[in-house]
Amino acid sequence: MRYFPLLFLLAATSAGAVESPPMRALDYFQGSWRCEGVFPASGRHIASRMRYAGDLQGAALVKHHEDMAPASYRALEAWGYDAKGGRYEAVALDNFGGTRRFASAGWQHDRLAWNSATEVVPAQRFVYVRLDGQHYRVDWEINRDGKGFAVGDTLTCTREG
């Protein structure tokens, strides 16, 4: 079943369904964001909207990512904290039928990196950089050749409202 990882994450995260102190570290993202950026390889412009909302009584953060036309990427992500594993876990589902799992150690200063699970080929990561209370940058990085990560696209996001 293609969406099992998301259902599993939500079910596992809801067991206990109480606010998770580690999840409080991600409260920064709550709300709506307008993002502008570029695909470095082509120089092509990209714009997106991202919305984040807490769920499961604070045990999960749900993200909706919607690229603006002419781009057509849409994704739904669920972020949670695995207390037993001592790390954050995420599942991303997209409108192209993709299902990807990611893990993160959490904020390292103002940087939050989500690294793809080993079954995700090619390897990918999302690196969020908190610029200030109203702005962040997110770089989608991909390792196509096994020699290291390169930025596939980069977005700078501004809090709305």
N, C-alpha and C. Protein backbone atom coordinates (compact mmCIF):
# COMPACT_ATOMS: atom_id res chain seq x y z
N MET A 1 0.85 -1.17 0.00
CA MET A 1 0.00 0.00 0.00
C MET A 1 0.88 1.23 0.00
N ARG A 2 0.74 2.07 -0.96
CA ARG A 2 1.61 3.20 -1.20
C ARG A 2 1.61 4.23 -0.06
N TYR A 3 0.49 4.44 0.63
CA TYR A 3 0.39 5.48 1.65
C TYR A 3 0.56 4.93 3.06
N PHE A 4 0.93 3.69 3.19
CA PHE A 4 1.12 3.08 4.49
C PHE A 4 2.10 3.85 5.37
N PRO A 5 3.25 4.32 4.86
CA PRO A 5 4.19 5.02 5.74
C PRO A 5 3.56 6.25 6.42
N LEU A 6 2.73 7.01 5.70
CA LEU A 6 2.11 8.19 6.29
C LEU A 6 1.10 7.75 7.36
N LEU A 7 0.30 6.75 7.05
CA LEU A 7 -0.67 6.27 8.02
C LEU A 7 0.03 5.72 9.25
N PHE A 8 1.13 4.99 9.04
CA PHE A 8 1.88 4.44 10.15
C PHE A 8 2.44 5.56 11.02
N LEU A 9 3.01 6.60 10.40
CA LEU A 9 3.58 7.70 11.16
C LEU A 9 2.50 8.39 11.97
N LEU A 10 1.35 8.65 11.36
CA LEU A 10 0.28 9.32 12.08
C LEU A 10 -0.25 8.45 13.21
N ALA A 11 -0.40 7.16 12.97
CA ALA A 11 -0.89 6.26 14.00
C ALA A 11 0.13 6.13 15.13
N ALA A 12 1.39 5.97 14.79
CA ALA A 12 2.43 5.84 15.81
C ALA A 12 2.56 7.12 16.61
N THR A 13 2.42 8.24 15.94
CA THR A 13 2.56 9.53 16.62
C THR A 13 1.37 9.78 17.53
N SER A 14 0.18 9.24 17.18
CA SER A 14 -1.00 9.50 17.98
C SER A 14 -1.11 8.58 19.19
N ALA A 15 -0.28 7.56 19.28
CA ALA A 15 -0.35 6.66 20.42
C ALA A 15 0.02 7.45 21.67
N GLY A 16 -0.87 7.86 22.42
CA GLY A 16 -0.61 8.73 23.56
C GLY A 16 -1.17 10.11 23.29
N ALA A 17 -1.14 10.55 22.05
CA ALA A 17 -1.76 11.79 21.59
C ALA A 17 -1.64 12.94 22.59
N VAL A 18 -0.45 13.16 23.08
CA VAL A 18 -0.20 14.31 23.94
C VAL A 18 0.91 15.13 23.32
N GLU A 19 0.92 16.37 23.66
CA GLU A 19 1.93 17.25 23.10
C GLU A 19 3.33 16.75 23.41
N SER A 20 4.14 16.68 22.36
CA SER A 20 5.50 16.19 22.48
C SER A 20 6.44 17.38 22.63
N PRO A 21 7.17 17.47 23.75
CA PRO A 21 8.10 18.60 23.90
C PRO A 21 9.06 18.76 22.71
N PRO A 22 9.63 17.67 22.14
CA PRO A 22 10.49 17.89 20.98
C PRO A 22 9.76 18.53 19.80
N MET A 23 8.47 18.27 19.66
CA MET A 23 7.71 18.86 18.55
C MET A 23 7.56 20.36 18.72
N ARG A 24 7.62 20.85 19.94
CA ARG A 24 7.55 22.30 20.19
C ARG A 24 8.66 23.04 19.46
N ALA A 25 9.78 22.37 19.23
CA ALA A 25 10.91 23.00 18.52
C ALA A 25 10.55 23.34 17.09
N LEU A 26 9.49 22.71 16.55
CA LEU A 26 9.08 22.98 15.17
C LEU A 26 7.93 23.98 15.08
N ASP A 27 7.50 24.54 16.21
CA ASP A 27 6.42 25.53 16.22
C ASP A 27 6.73 26.73 15.33
N TYR A 28 8.00 27.01 15.14
CA TYR A 28 8.43 28.12 14.28
C TYR A 28 7.70 28.10 12.93
N PHE A 29 7.46 26.91 12.39
CA PHE A 29 6.88 26.78 11.05
C PHE A 29 5.37 27.04 11.00
N GLN A 30 4.69 26.95 12.12
CA GLN A 30 3.22 27.06 12.13
C GLN A 30 2.75 28.29 11.35
N GLY A 31 1.76 28.08 10.48
CA GLY A 31 1.19 29.17 9.70
C GLY A 31 1.43 29.01 8.22
N SER A 32 1.21 30.10 7.50
CA SER A 32 1.34 30.11 6.04
C SER A 32 2.55 30.91 5.61
N TRP A 33 3.19 30.43 4.55
CA TRP A 33 4.42 31.04 4.04
C TRP A 33 4.33 31.16 2.52
N ARG A 34 4.83 32.25 1.99
CA ARG A 34 4.95 32.45 0.55
C ARG A 34 6.43 32.37 0.22
N CYS A 35 6.75 31.56 -0.80
CA CYS A 35 8.16 31.26 -1.09
C CYS A 35 8.50 31.61 -2.54
N GLU A 36 9.71 32.11 -2.74
CA GLU A 36 10.23 32.44 -4.07
C GLU A 36 11.64 31.87 -4.18
N GLY A 37 11.97 31.38 -5.36
CA GLY A 37 13.30 30.83 -5.51
C GLY A 37 13.66 30.51 -6.93
N VAL A 38 14.62 29.57 -7.05
CA VAL A 38 15.20 29.29 -8.35
C VAL A 38 15.69 27.83 -8.40
N PHE A 39 15.71 27.29 -9.61
CA PHE A 39 16.41 26.04 -9.89
C PHE A 39 17.80 26.45 -10.35
N PRO A 40 18.84 26.28 -9.54
CA PRO A 40 20.17 26.79 -9.89
C PRO A 40 20.70 26.28 -11.23
N ALA A 41 20.43 25.04 -11.58
CA ALA A 41 20.98 24.49 -12.82
C ALA A 41 20.46 25.21 -14.05
N SER A 42 19.20 25.63 -14.02
CA SER A 42 18.60 26.27 -15.20
C SER A 42 18.38 27.77 -15.02
N GLY A 43 18.38 28.23 -13.78
CA GLY A 43 18.08 29.63 -13.51
C GLY A 43 16.58 29.92 -13.54
N ARG A 44 15.79 28.89 -13.75
CA ARG A 44 14.33 29.06 -13.82
C ARG A 44 13.76 29.42 -12.45
N HIS A 45 12.82 30.36 -12.45
CA HIS A 45 12.17 30.84 -11.23
C HIS A 45 11.13 29.83 -10.74
N ILE A 46 10.92 29.79 -9.43
CA ILE A 46 9.89 28.95 -8.84
C ILE A 46 9.25 29.71 -7.68
N ALA A 47 7.95 29.50 -7.49
CA ALA A 47 7.22 30.10 -6.38
C ALA A 47 6.31 29.03 -5.77
N SER A 48 6.17 29.10 -4.45
CA SER A 48 5.38 28.11 -3.73
C SER A 48 4.66 28.75 -2.56
N ARG A 49 3.64 28.05 -2.08
CA ARG A 49 3.00 28.37 -0.81
C ARG A 49 3.17 27.14 0.07
N MET A 50 3.48 27.37 1.33
CA MET A 50 3.60 26.28 2.29
C MET A 50 2.76 26.63 3.51
N ARG A 51 1.99 25.65 3.96
CA ARG A 51 1.16 25.81 5.15
C ARG A 51 1.50 24.69 6.13
N TYR A 52 1.69 25.08 7.39
CA TYR A 52 2.02 24.13 8.45
C TYR A 52 0.98 24.26 9.56
N ALA A 53 0.52 23.12 10.06
CA ALA A 53 -0.43 23.13 11.16
C ALA A 53 -0.16 21.93 12.07
N GLY A 54 -0.25 22.18 13.36
CA GLY A 54 -0.11 21.10 14.31
C GLY A 54 -1.31 20.17 14.23
N ASP A 55 -1.09 18.91 14.56
CA ASP A 55 -2.16 17.92 14.56
C ASP A 55 -1.87 16.92 15.66
N LEU A 56 -2.82 16.05 15.92
CA LEU A 56 -2.69 14.99 16.93
C LEU A 56 -2.29 15.56 18.29
N GLN A 57 -2.97 16.64 18.67
CA GLN A 57 -2.72 17.28 19.96
C GLN A 57 -1.27 17.67 20.16
N GLY A 58 -0.64 18.15 19.09
CA GLY A 58 0.74 18.61 19.17
C GLY A 58 1.79 17.55 18.92
N ALA A 59 1.37 16.33 18.60
CA ALA A 59 2.34 15.25 18.37
C ALA A 59 2.78 15.17 16.92
N ALA A 60 2.19 15.99 16.04
CA ALA A 60 2.58 15.98 14.63
C ALA A 60 2.46 17.38 14.06
N LEU A 61 3.22 17.63 13.01
CA LEU A 61 3.11 18.86 12.24
C LEU A 61 2.84 18.43 10.81
N VAL A 62 1.77 18.96 10.23
CA VAL A 62 1.38 18.62 8.86
C VAL A 62 1.71 19.80 7.96
N LYS A 63 2.38 19.51 6.87
CA LYS A 63 2.81 20.54 5.91
C LYS A 63 2.14 20.29 4.56
N HIS A 64 1.60 21.36 3.99
CA HIS A 64 1.08 21.34 2.62
C HIS A 64 2.00 22.22 1.79
N HIS A 65 2.53 21.67 0.72
CA HIS A 65 3.44 22.39 -0.20
C HIS A 65 2.75 22.45 -1.56
N GLU A 66 2.62 23.65 -2.08
CA GLU A 66 1.96 23.83 -3.37
C GLU A 66 2.77 24.79 -4.23
N ASP A 67 3.36 24.26 -5.30
CA ASP A 67 4.06 25.13 -6.25
C ASP A 67 3.04 25.91 -7.06
N MET A 68 3.38 27.13 -7.41
CA MET A 68 2.52 27.98 -8.22
C MET A 68 2.79 27.70 -9.70
N ALA A 69 1.78 27.93 -10.53
CA ALA A 69 1.91 27.73 -11.98
C ALA A 69 3.10 28.56 -12.49
N PRO A 70 3.84 28.05 -13.44
CA PRO A 70 3.55 26.88 -14.25
C PRO A 70 3.98 25.55 -13.61
N ALA A 71 4.66 25.59 -12.47
CA ALA A 71 5.06 24.34 -11.81
C ALA A 71 3.81 23.63 -11.29
N SER A 72 3.90 22.32 -11.12
CA SER A 72 2.71 21.57 -10.72
C SER A 72 2.93 20.66 -9.52
N TYR A 73 4.06 20.79 -8.82
CA TYR A 73 4.35 19.91 -7.68
C TYR A 73 3.45 20.27 -6.50
N ARG A 74 2.86 19.25 -5.89
CA ARG A 74 2.07 19.38 -4.67
C ARG A 74 2.50 18.26 -3.74
N ALA A 75 2.58 18.55 -2.45
CA ALA A 75 2.97 17.51 -1.49
C ALA A 75 2.27 17.72 -0.16
N LEU A 76 2.09 16.62 0.52
CA LEU A 76 1.59 16.60 1.89
C LEU A 76 2.63 15.88 2.71
N GLU A 77 3.06 16.51 3.80
CA GLU A 77 4.07 15.91 4.66
C GLU A 77 3.55 15.82 6.08
N ALA A 78 3.93 14.79 6.78
CA ALA A 78 3.64 14.65 8.21
C ALA A 78 4.97 14.51 8.92
N TRP A 79 5.21 15.40 9.89
CA TRP A 79 6.43 15.39 10.67
C TRP A 79 6.08 14.96 12.10
N GLY A 80 6.87 14.09 12.67
CA GLY A 80 6.65 13.65 14.04
C GLY A 80 7.98 13.38 14.72
N TYR A 81 7.90 13.04 15.99
CA TYR A 81 9.11 12.74 16.75
C TYR A 81 9.04 11.31 17.26
N ASP A 82 10.06 10.52 16.97
CA ASP A 82 10.17 9.15 17.42
C ASP A 82 11.00 9.15 18.71
N ALA A 83 10.32 9.11 19.85
CA ALA A 83 11.02 9.19 21.14
C ALA A 83 11.96 8.00 21.33
N LYS A 84 11.56 6.84 20.89
CA LYS A 84 12.40 5.65 21.06
C LYS A 84 13.70 5.80 20.24
N GLY A 85 13.58 6.30 19.01
CA GLY A 85 14.74 6.48 18.15
C GLY A 85 15.49 7.78 18.41
N GLY A 86 14.84 8.70 19.15
CA GLY A 86 15.49 9.97 19.47
C GLY A 86 15.72 10.86 18.27
N ARG A 87 14.78 10.82 17.31
CA ARG A 87 14.92 11.67 16.12
C ARG A 87 13.55 11.98 15.55
N TYR A 88 13.54 12.98 14.71
CA TYR A 88 12.32 13.36 13.99
C TYR A 88 12.18 12.46 12.77
N GLU A 89 10.93 12.17 12.42
CA GLU A 89 10.62 11.36 11.25
C GLU A 89 9.61 12.13 10.40
N ALA A 90 9.70 11.97 9.10
CA ALA A 90 8.74 12.61 8.19
C ALA A 90 8.42 11.68 7.04
N VAL A 91 7.21 11.83 6.54
CA VAL A 91 6.79 11.14 5.33
C VAL A 91 6.24 12.20 4.40
N ALA A 92 6.68 12.17 3.14
CA ALA A 92 6.20 13.10 2.12
C ALA A 92 5.48 12.32 1.02
N LEU A 93 4.26 12.73 0.73
CA LEU A 93 3.48 12.16 -0.37
C LEU A 93 3.29 13.27 -1.38
N ASP A 94 3.47 12.97 -2.68
CA ASP A 94 3.30 14.03 -3.67
C ASP A 94 2.33 13.62 -4.78
N ASN A 95 1.95 14.61 -5.57
CA ASN A 95 0.95 14.40 -6.62
C ASN A 95 1.49 13.61 -7.81
N PHE A 96 2.75 13.24 -7.80
CA PHE A 96 3.31 12.40 -8.85
C PHE A 96 3.36 10.94 -8.41
N GLY A 97 2.76 10.63 -7.26
CA GLY A 97 2.74 9.27 -6.76
C GLY A 97 3.94 8.91 -5.92
N GLY A 98 4.74 9.89 -5.55
CA GLY A 98 5.93 9.63 -4.75
C GLY A 98 5.61 9.52 -3.28
N THR A 99 6.31 8.63 -2.61
CA THR A 99 6.25 8.48 -1.16
C THR A 99 7.70 8.37 -0.69
N ARG A 100 8.12 9.34 0.13
CA ARG A 100 9.50 9.35 0.60
C ARG A 100 9.52 9.53 2.11
N ARG A 101 10.45 8.82 2.76
CA ARG A 101 10.65 8.95 4.20
C ARG A 101 11.94 9.71 4.47
N PHE A 102 11.91 10.50 5.54
CA PHE A 102 13.06 11.31 5.93
C PHE A 102 13.24 11.25 7.44
N ALA A 103 14.44 11.54 7.90
CA ALA A 103 14.74 11.63 9.33
C ALA A 103 15.61 12.85 9.58
N SER A 104 15.51 13.37 10.80
CA SER A 104 16.28 14.55 11.18
C SER A 104 16.66 14.47 12.64
N ALA A 105 17.82 15.00 12.96
CA ALA A 105 18.26 15.11 14.36
C ALA A 105 17.65 16.34 15.01
N GLY A 106 16.98 17.19 14.23
CA GLY A 106 16.40 18.42 14.76
C GLY A 106 17.26 19.63 14.44
N TRP A 107 16.91 20.74 15.03
CA TRP A 107 17.65 21.98 14.78
C TRP A 107 19.09 21.85 15.24
N GLN A 108 20.00 22.25 14.40
CA GLN A 108 21.41 22.41 14.73
C GLN A 108 21.68 23.90 14.51
N HIS A 109 21.63 24.67 15.58
CA HIS A 109 21.65 26.12 15.51
C HIS A 109 20.41 26.55 14.74
N ASP A 110 20.54 27.18 13.60
CA ASP A 110 19.38 27.60 12.81
C ASP A 110 19.18 26.74 11.57
N ARG A 111 19.64 25.51 11.61
CA ARG A 111 19.58 24.60 10.45
C ARG A 111 18.87 23.32 10.84
N LEU A 112 17.88 22.94 10.02
CA LEU A 112 17.14 21.69 10.20
C LEU A 112 17.25 20.91 8.90
N ALA A 113 17.91 19.75 8.96
CA ALA A 113 18.12 18.95 7.75
C ALA A 113 17.31 17.65 7.84
N TRP A 114 16.53 17.38 6.80
CA TRP A 114 15.78 16.13 6.66
C TRP A 114 16.52 15.28 5.64
N ASN A 115 17.05 14.14 6.05
CA ASN A 115 17.79 13.23 5.17
C ASN A 115 16.90 12.07 4.77
N SER A 116 16.92 11.74 3.49
CA SER A 116 16.06 10.67 3.00
C SER A 116 16.50 9.32 3.55
N ALA A 117 15.53 8.42 3.65
CA ALA A 117 15.79 7.04 4.07
C ALA A 117 16.61 6.35 2.99
N THR A 118 17.27 5.27 3.34
CA THR A 118 18.17 4.57 2.41
C THR A 118 17.45 4.07 1.16
N GLU A 119 16.15 3.77 1.26
CA GLU A 119 15.44 3.27 0.07
C GLU A 119 15.09 4.37 -0.93
N VAL A 120 15.28 5.62 -0.57
CA VAL A 120 15.01 6.72 -1.49
C VAL A 120 16.22 6.88 -2.41
N VAL A 121 15.99 6.65 -3.70
CA VAL A 121 17.06 6.72 -4.70
C VAL A 121 16.60 7.64 -5.82
N PRO A 122 17.42 8.64 -6.15
CA PRO A 122 18.69 9.03 -5.52
C PRO A 122 18.45 9.66 -4.15
N ALA A 123 19.49 9.66 -3.33
CA ALA A 123 19.42 10.24 -1.99
C ALA A 123 19.06 11.72 -2.09
N GLN A 124 18.25 12.19 -1.14
CA GLN A 124 17.79 13.57 -1.14
C GLN A 124 17.82 14.10 0.29
N ARG A 125 17.80 15.41 0.39
CA ARG A 125 17.59 16.03 1.70
C ARG A 125 17.00 17.41 1.50
N PHE A 126 16.26 17.83 2.52
CA PHE A 126 15.73 19.19 2.58
C PHE A 126 16.44 19.87 3.73
N VAL A 127 17.04 21.02 3.46
CA VAL A 127 17.75 21.77 4.48
C VAL A 127 17.04 23.10 4.68
N TYR A 128 16.47 23.26 5.88
CA TYR A 128 15.77 24.49 6.26
C TYR A 128 16.73 25.34 7.07
N VAL A 129 16.82 26.61 6.72
CA VAL A 129 17.67 27.55 7.45
C VAL A 129 16.79 28.69 7.94
N ARG A 130 16.70 28.84 9.25
CA ARG A 130 15.90 29.90 9.87
C ARG A 130 16.70 31.19 9.74
N LEU A 131 16.20 32.12 8.92
CA LEU A 131 16.90 33.38 8.70
C LEU A 131 16.57 34.40 9.79
N ASP A 132 15.31 34.43 10.21
CA ASP A 132 14.83 35.25 11.31
C ASP A 132 13.42 34.76 11.63
N GLY A 133 12.66 35.49 12.42
CA GLY A 133 11.33 35.05 12.81
C GLY A 133 10.31 35.04 11.69
N GLN A 134 10.62 35.72 10.59
CA GLN A 134 9.66 35.86 9.49
C GLN A 134 10.13 35.25 8.18
N HIS A 135 11.34 34.70 8.14
CA HIS A 135 11.90 34.17 6.90
C HIS A 135 12.72 32.91 7.13
N TYR A 136 12.60 31.99 6.21
CA TYR A 136 13.49 30.84 6.18
C TYR A 136 13.82 30.50 4.74
N ARG A 137 14.89 29.75 4.57
CA ARG A 137 15.27 29.25 3.25
C ARG A 137 15.22 27.73 3.32
N VAL A 138 14.75 27.11 2.24
CA VAL A 138 14.78 25.66 2.17
C VAL A 138 15.45 25.27 0.86
N ASP A 139 16.46 24.42 0.97
CA ASP A 139 17.16 23.89 -0.21
C ASP A 139 16.82 22.42 -0.34
N TRP A 140 16.34 22.04 -1.52
CA TRP A 140 16.16 20.63 -1.83
C TRP A 140 17.45 20.19 -2.49
N GLU A 141 18.13 19.24 -1.87
CA GLU A 141 19.41 18.76 -2.38
C GLU A 141 19.27 17.31 -2.80
N ILE A 142 20.00 16.95 -3.85
CA ILE A 142 19.92 15.61 -4.41
C ILE A 142 21.33 15.11 -4.73
N ASN A 143 21.54 13.82 -4.54
CA ASN A 143 22.83 13.20 -4.81
C ASN A 143 22.63 12.21 -5.96
N ARG A 144 22.68 12.72 -7.18
CA ARG A 144 22.40 11.91 -8.36
C ARG A 144 23.55 10.97 -8.74
N ASP A 145 24.78 11.39 -8.47
CA ASP A 145 25.93 10.62 -8.95
C ASP A 145 26.68 9.89 -7.84
N GLY A 146 26.19 9.99 -6.61
CA GLY A 146 26.86 9.33 -5.49
C GLY A 146 28.10 10.04 -5.02
N LYS A 147 28.39 11.22 -5.59
CA LYS A 147 29.61 11.96 -5.23
C LYS A 147 29.35 13.14 -4.31
N GLY A 148 28.10 13.36 -3.97
CA GLY A 148 27.78 14.47 -3.08
C GLY A 148 26.49 15.15 -3.48
N PHE A 149 25.97 15.92 -2.56
CA PHE A 149 24.70 16.61 -2.77
C PHE A 149 24.89 17.89 -3.56
N ALA A 150 23.92 18.18 -4.42
CA ALA A 150 23.86 19.44 -5.16
C ALA A 150 22.46 20.01 -4.99
N VAL A 151 22.34 21.32 -4.95
CA VAL A 151 21.04 21.96 -4.78
C VAL A 151 20.22 21.78 -6.05
N GLY A 152 19.03 21.18 -5.88
CA GLY A 152 18.09 21.03 -7.00
C GLY A 152 17.21 22.25 -7.15
N ASP A 153 16.75 22.78 -6.02
CA ASP A 153 16.07 24.07 -6.02
C ASP A 153 16.21 24.69 -4.64
N THR A 154 16.02 25.99 -4.60
CA THR A 154 16.13 26.73 -3.35
C THR A 154 14.98 27.73 -3.28
N LEU A 155 14.39 27.87 -2.11
CA LEU A 155 13.28 28.78 -1.91
C LEU A 155 13.54 29.61 -0.65
N THR A 156 13.23 30.89 -0.70
CA THR A 156 13.23 31.73 0.49
C THR A 156 11.78 32.05 0.79
N CYS A 157 11.38 31.76 2.02
CA CYS A 157 9.97 31.85 2.40
C CYS A 157 9.75 32.98 3.40
N THR A 158 8.63 33.67 3.23
CA THR A 158 8.23 34.78 4.08
C THR A 158 6.89 34.46 4.74
N ARG A 159 6.81 34.63 6.03
CA ARG A 159 5.58 34.36 6.77
C ARG A 159 4.48 35.29 6.27
N GLU A 160 3.29 34.75 6.07
CA GLU A 160 2.14 35.55 5.67
C GLU A 160 1.30 35.87 6.92
N GLY A 161 0.85 37.11 6.99
CA GLY A 161 -0.06 37.49 8.07
C GLY A 161 0.52 37.61 9.35
